[in-house]
């Protein structure tokens, strides 16, 4: 027998799952039935914890580019869904103060409106066009959350295409920049919806727990809320490789701005 025949085949190292955190509103709220609000104090505590561990929060585009280059070990994707006005008021100053950036997924079909899709809980003001531009000028990545915050799998093909493509076109007009990322409202996605987002030219899309769809157009994220103290965040970080599938390396490259 040839000497090499007895040697075991080398194992291909499995990449560590991307760690992307999902936020929504940053504010002081007495009522929060959907657990979408985190106070500025708690966000500050979490950012301090990240930085003390040598981790840095970045936009999803930057995280994916770093992953493709093999340099994402100390980076965490920070995402903020719905595009609330309080992102500009509270989140942006805290992120900049801790040397972090983030991706905010906004609704260009609801500029200056409110979270009317939440039947209960307080009304929260959404960013208008000036607010979106201000967030971009502060170094944050702008992504699309569709037009009207509706569950996409339930839409007919023409309605689905309109939500995905027209929202991107509107955001391009507002910011004057490319819009690399999409985020599925409610995290709802199936193969048809993911294919439509890919066909529309987005470089990536964020979901929540997409299971077998996990990939560049269905990236998993971890919900973070007011109850997530530094200790809970540490536990979530430790459990993440166990609870989430890894994104294939060949699907990790992303375009977009350098934020």
Protein backbone atom coordinates (compact mmCIF):
# COMPACT_ATOMS: atom_id res chain seq x y z
CA UNK A 1 0.00 0.00 0.00
CA UNK A 2 1.27 3.47 -0.85
CA UNK A 3 2.20 5.45 2.26
CA UNK A 4 -0.19 8.28 1.37
CA UNK A 5 -3.15 5.88 1.14
CA UNK A 6 -3.31 5.51 4.91
CA UNK A 7 -3.46 9.22 5.54
CA UNK A 8 -6.92 10.62 6.30
CA UNK A 9 -8.37 13.18 3.93
CA UNK A 10 -7.83 16.74 5.22
CA UNK A 11 -10.93 18.27 6.73
CA UNK A 12 -12.29 21.45 5.28
CA UNK A 13 -12.64 23.99 8.05
CA UNK A 14 -16.21 25.13 8.54
CA UNK A 15 -16.51 28.92 8.56
CA UNK A 16 -17.88 30.53 11.69
CA UNK A 17 -21.45 31.76 11.15
CA UNK A 18 -21.74 35.47 10.52
CA UNK A 19 -22.91 37.25 13.65
CA UNK A 20 -25.48 39.89 12.72
CA UNK A 21 -27.64 41.61 15.33
CA UNK A 22 -31.16 42.81 14.61
CA UNK A 23 -32.43 45.99 16.25
CA UNK A 24 -35.47 48.11 15.56
CA UNK A 25 -36.27 51.22 17.63
CA UNK A 26 -33.90 52.99 20.05
CA UNK A 27 -35.94 55.08 22.46
CA UNK A 28 -37.36 55.42 25.96
CA UNK A 29 -40.79 53.76 25.82
CA UNK A 30 -43.23 52.76 28.56
CA UNK A 31 -45.06 50.28 26.31
CA UNK A 32 -43.28 47.80 24.05
CA UNK A 33 -45.59 44.82 23.33
CA UNK A 34 -43.59 43.65 20.30
CA UNK A 35 -40.19 43.94 21.99
CA UNK A 36 -38.86 46.21 19.27
CA UNK A 37 -37.56 49.01 21.48
CA UNK A 38 -34.24 49.22 23.23
CA UNK A 39 -33.25 52.18 25.39
CA UNK A 40 -30.20 54.25 24.47
CA UNK A 41 -28.69 53.22 27.81
CA UNK A 42 -28.94 49.53 26.96
CA UNK A 43 -27.57 50.06 23.45
CA UNK A 44 -24.64 51.96 24.94
CA UNK A 45 -23.99 49.07 27.34
CA UNK A 46 -24.03 46.57 24.47
CA UNK A 47 -21.68 48.64 22.32
CA UNK A 48 -19.27 48.99 25.24
CA UNK A 49 -19.36 45.20 25.70
CA UNK A 50 -18.61 44.62 22.03
CA UNK A 51 -15.69 47.02 21.99
CA UNK A 52 -14.20 45.64 25.22
CA UNK A 53 -14.17 42.20 23.62
CA UNK A 54 -12.33 43.58 20.61
CA UNK A 55 -15.43 43.42 18.40
CA UNK A 56 -16.62 46.17 16.10
CA UNK A 57 -20.09 46.74 14.73
CA UNK A 58 -20.25 47.36 10.98
CA UNK A 59 -22.74 47.45 8.12
CA UNK A 60 -23.77 44.22 6.46
CA UNK A 61 -21.94 45.10 3.24
CA UNK A 62 -18.71 45.63 5.13
CA UNK A 63 -19.18 42.42 7.11
CA UNK A 64 -19.72 40.40 3.93
CA UNK A 65 -16.71 41.90 2.17
CA UNK A 66 -14.54 41.17 5.20
CA UNK A 67 -15.90 37.62 5.32
CA UNK A 68 -15.02 37.06 1.66
CA UNK A 69 -11.48 38.26 2.41
CA UNK A 70 -11.19 36.08 5.53
CA UNK A 71 -11.09 39.08 7.88
CA UNK A 72 -14.48 39.03 9.62
CA UNK A 73 -13.57 37.34 12.90
CA UNK A 74 -13.75 40.55 14.95
CA UNK A 75 -16.67 42.15 13.13
CA UNK A 76 -20.38 42.10 13.98
CA UNK A 77 -23.14 43.16 11.61
CA UNK A 78 -25.46 45.74 13.17
CA UNK A 79 -28.86 46.18 11.52
CA UNK A 80 -31.84 48.38 12.39
CA UNK A 81 -35.18 47.49 10.78
CA UNK A 82 -38.06 49.82 9.83
CA UNK A 83 -36.08 53.08 9.74
CA UNK A 84 -37.43 54.84 12.82
CA UNK A 85 -36.66 58.50 13.38
CA UNK A 86 -35.05 57.58 16.70
CA UNK A 87 -32.26 55.80 14.77
CA UNK A 88 -31.00 59.25 13.84
CA UNK A 89 -31.72 60.75 17.26
CA UNK A 90 -30.18 58.07 19.47
CA UNK A 91 -28.50 55.23 17.57
CA UNK A 92 -26.29 57.22 15.20
CA UNK A 93 -24.56 59.28 17.93
CA UNK A 94 -23.92 56.13 19.99
CA UNK A 95 -22.63 54.16 17.02
CA UNK A 96 -20.27 56.93 15.95
CA UNK A 97 -19.11 57.43 19.52
CA UNK A 98 -18.03 53.79 19.69
CA UNK A 99 -16.42 53.66 16.26
CA UNK A 100 -19.21 51.56 14.75
CA UNK A 101 -21.43 51.71 11.71
CA UNK A 102 -24.66 49.90 10.87
CA UNK A 103 -27.21 49.19 8.17
CA UNK A 104 -30.64 50.76 8.57
CA UNK A 105 -33.42 49.21 6.49
CA UNK A 106 -35.98 51.88 5.61
CA UNK A 107 -39.40 52.14 3.98
CA UNK A 108 -39.35 54.73 1.19
CA UNK A 109 -43.07 54.15 0.64
CA UNK A 110 -43.78 55.40 4.18
CA UNK A 111 -41.53 58.46 4.43
CA UNK A 112 -42.24 60.42 7.59
CA UNK A 113 -45.07 58.05 8.46
CA UNK A 114 -45.39 55.71 11.42
CA UNK A 115 -45.45 52.00 12.28
CA UNK A 116 -49.11 51.58 11.34
CA UNK A 117 -48.55 47.82 10.84
CA UNK A 118 -48.23 47.38 14.62
CA UNK A 119 -51.80 47.06 15.87
CA UNK A 120 -50.77 47.57 19.49
CA UNK A 121 -48.13 49.67 21.15
CA UNK A 122 -47.04 53.27 20.63
CA UNK A 123 -46.87 54.95 17.26
CA UNK A 124 -43.27 55.59 16.22
CA UNK A 125 -42.25 58.14 13.63
CA UNK A 126 -40.31 56.90 10.59
CA UNK A 127 -37.45 58.64 8.84
CA UNK A 128 -38.31 61.04 6.04
CA UNK A 129 -36.08 61.65 3.01
CA UNK A 130 -33.96 64.22 4.84
CA UNK A 131 -33.47 61.81 7.73
CA UNK A 132 -32.40 59.01 5.40
CA UNK A 133 -29.86 61.32 3.77
CA UNK A 134 -28.61 62.41 7.19
CA UNK A 135 -28.09 58.79 8.25
CA UNK A 136 -26.16 58.08 5.04
CA UNK A 137 -24.02 61.18 5.52
CA UNK A 138 -23.23 59.97 9.05
CA UNK A 139 -21.64 56.87 7.53
CA UNK A 140 -24.53 54.43 7.86
CA UNK A 141 -25.55 52.05 5.09
CA UNK A 142 -29.08 52.47 3.76
CA UNK A 143 -30.98 49.33 2.77
CA UNK A 144 -34.52 48.65 1.59
CA UNK A 145 -37.27 47.18 3.76
CA UNK A 146 -39.78 47.29 0.93
CA UNK A 147 -42.42 49.97 0.50
CA UNK A 148 -45.23 49.24 2.94
CA UNK A 149 -43.93 46.69 5.48
CA UNK A 150 -46.01 43.79 4.20
CA UNK A 151 -45.31 40.05 4.25
CA UNK A 152 -43.85 39.38 0.82
CA UNK A 153 -44.63 35.66 0.31
CA UNK A 154 -48.36 36.49 0.25
CA UNK A 155 -48.02 38.95 -2.65
CA UNK A 156 -48.74 38.29 -6.30
CA UNK A 157 -45.72 38.40 -8.60
CA UNK A 158 -46.32 41.95 -9.85
CA UNK A 159 -46.86 43.29 -6.33
CA UNK A 160 -43.74 41.51 -5.12
CA UNK A 161 -41.66 42.99 -7.92
CA UNK A 162 -42.99 46.48 -7.17
CA UNK A 163 -42.13 46.25 -3.44
CA UNK A 164 -38.61 45.06 -4.17
CA UNK A 165 -37.62 47.08 -7.22
CA UNK A 166 -39.46 50.36 -6.70
CA UNK A 167 -38.25 50.71 -3.11
CA UNK A 168 -34.68 50.41 -4.32
CA UNK A 169 -35.21 52.99 -7.06
CA UNK A 170 -36.73 55.47 -4.61
CA UNK A 171 -33.82 55.07 -2.20
CA UNK A 172 -31.33 55.60 -5.01
CA UNK A 173 -33.10 58.86 -5.81
CA UNK A 174 -32.99 59.94 -2.16
CA UNK A 175 -29.37 59.09 -1.39
CA UNK A 176 -27.75 59.25 -4.81
CA UNK A 177 -26.03 55.97 -3.97
CA UNK A 178 -26.45 52.28 -4.70
CA UNK A 179 -28.71 50.27 -2.38
CA UNK A 180 -26.95 46.94 -1.85
CA UNK A 181 -29.16 45.32 0.77
CA UNK A 182 -32.77 44.25 1.32
CA UNK A 183 -34.51 43.12 4.51
CA UNK A 184 -37.64 40.95 4.52
CA UNK A 185 -40.47 42.48 6.61
CA UNK A 186 -41.27 40.21 9.57
CA UNK A 187 -38.41 38.00 8.39
CA UNK A 188 -40.88 36.30 6.00
CA UNK A 189 -39.11 34.75 3.00
CA UNK A 190 -39.50 31.77 0.71
CA UNK A 191 -37.58 30.69 -2.37
CA UNK A 192 -39.73 32.75 -4.76
CA UNK A 193 -39.18 35.92 -2.73
CA UNK A 194 -35.44 35.32 -2.33
CA UNK A 195 -35.12 34.73 -6.08
CA UNK A 196 -36.98 37.99 -6.78
CA UNK A 197 -34.62 39.95 -4.52
CA UNK A 198 -31.61 38.41 -6.22
CA UNK A 199 -33.03 39.14 -9.67
CA UNK A 200 -33.61 42.77 -8.67
CA UNK A 201 -29.85 43.20 -8.31
CA UNK A 202 -29.44 43.38 -4.54
CA UNK A 203 -26.07 42.15 -3.28
CA UNK A 204 -27.58 40.53 -0.15
CA UNK A 205 -30.76 40.26 1.90
CA UNK A 206 -31.40 39.86 5.62
CA UNK A 207 -33.90 37.48 7.18
CA UNK A 208 -34.12 36.16 10.76
CA UNK A 209 -34.05 32.36 10.84
CA UNK A 210 -34.21 31.25 7.17
CA UNK A 211 -33.14 27.65 7.77
CA UNK A 212 -32.43 25.89 4.48
CA UNK A 213 -32.57 29.17 2.55
CA UNK A 214 -29.55 30.52 4.46
CA UNK A 215 -27.20 32.27 2.07
CA UNK A 216 -26.38 35.68 0.68
CA UNK A 217 -30.06 36.45 -0.03
CA UNK A 218 -31.34 35.05 3.26
CA UNK A 219 -28.87 36.00 5.97
CA UNK A 220 -29.80 34.98 9.54
CA UNK A 221 -29.75 37.52 12.34
CA UNK A 222 -30.12 37.51 16.13
CA UNK A 223 -32.81 39.63 17.78
CA UNK A 224 -31.44 42.01 20.41
CA UNK A 225 -33.67 43.86 22.84
CA UNK A 226 -33.87 45.67 26.13
CA UNK A 227 -33.53 42.45 28.15
CA UNK A 228 -30.14 41.69 26.60
CA UNK A 229 -27.66 42.73 29.23
CA UNK A 230 -23.95 42.27 28.60
CA UNK A 231 -24.21 38.81 30.20
CA UNK A 232 -27.09 37.74 27.94
CA UNK A 233 -25.29 39.11 24.91
CA UNK A 234 -22.23 37.06 25.83
CA UNK A 235 -24.38 33.92 26.02
CA UNK A 236 -25.98 34.67 22.64
CA UNK A 237 -22.52 35.14 21.14
CA UNK A 238 -21.38 31.82 22.56
CA UNK A 239 -24.48 29.96 21.32
CA UNK A 240 -24.56 31.54 17.88
CA UNK A 241 -22.33 28.98 16.09
CA UNK A 242 -24.59 26.24 17.45
CA UNK A 243 -27.93 27.83 16.65
CA UNK A 244 -27.24 29.30 13.20
CA UNK A 245 -26.09 27.74 9.95
CA UNK A 246 -22.97 29.16 8.37
CA UNK A 247 -23.25 31.21 5.20
CA UNK A 248 -21.29 29.51 2.38
CA UNK A 249 -18.05 31.37 1.72
CA UNK A 250 -18.65 31.52 -2.02
CA UNK A 251 -21.85 33.45 -1.38
CA UNK A 252 -20.37 35.93 1.06
CA UNK A 253 -18.97 38.59 -1.25
CA UNK A 254 -20.95 41.79 -1.36
CA UNK A 255 -20.83 45.04 -3.22
CA UNK A 256 -21.99 48.41 -1.99
CA UNK A 257 -20.39 51.38 -0.34
CA UNK A 258 -17.42 51.04 1.98
CA UNK A 259 -19.33 51.86 5.14
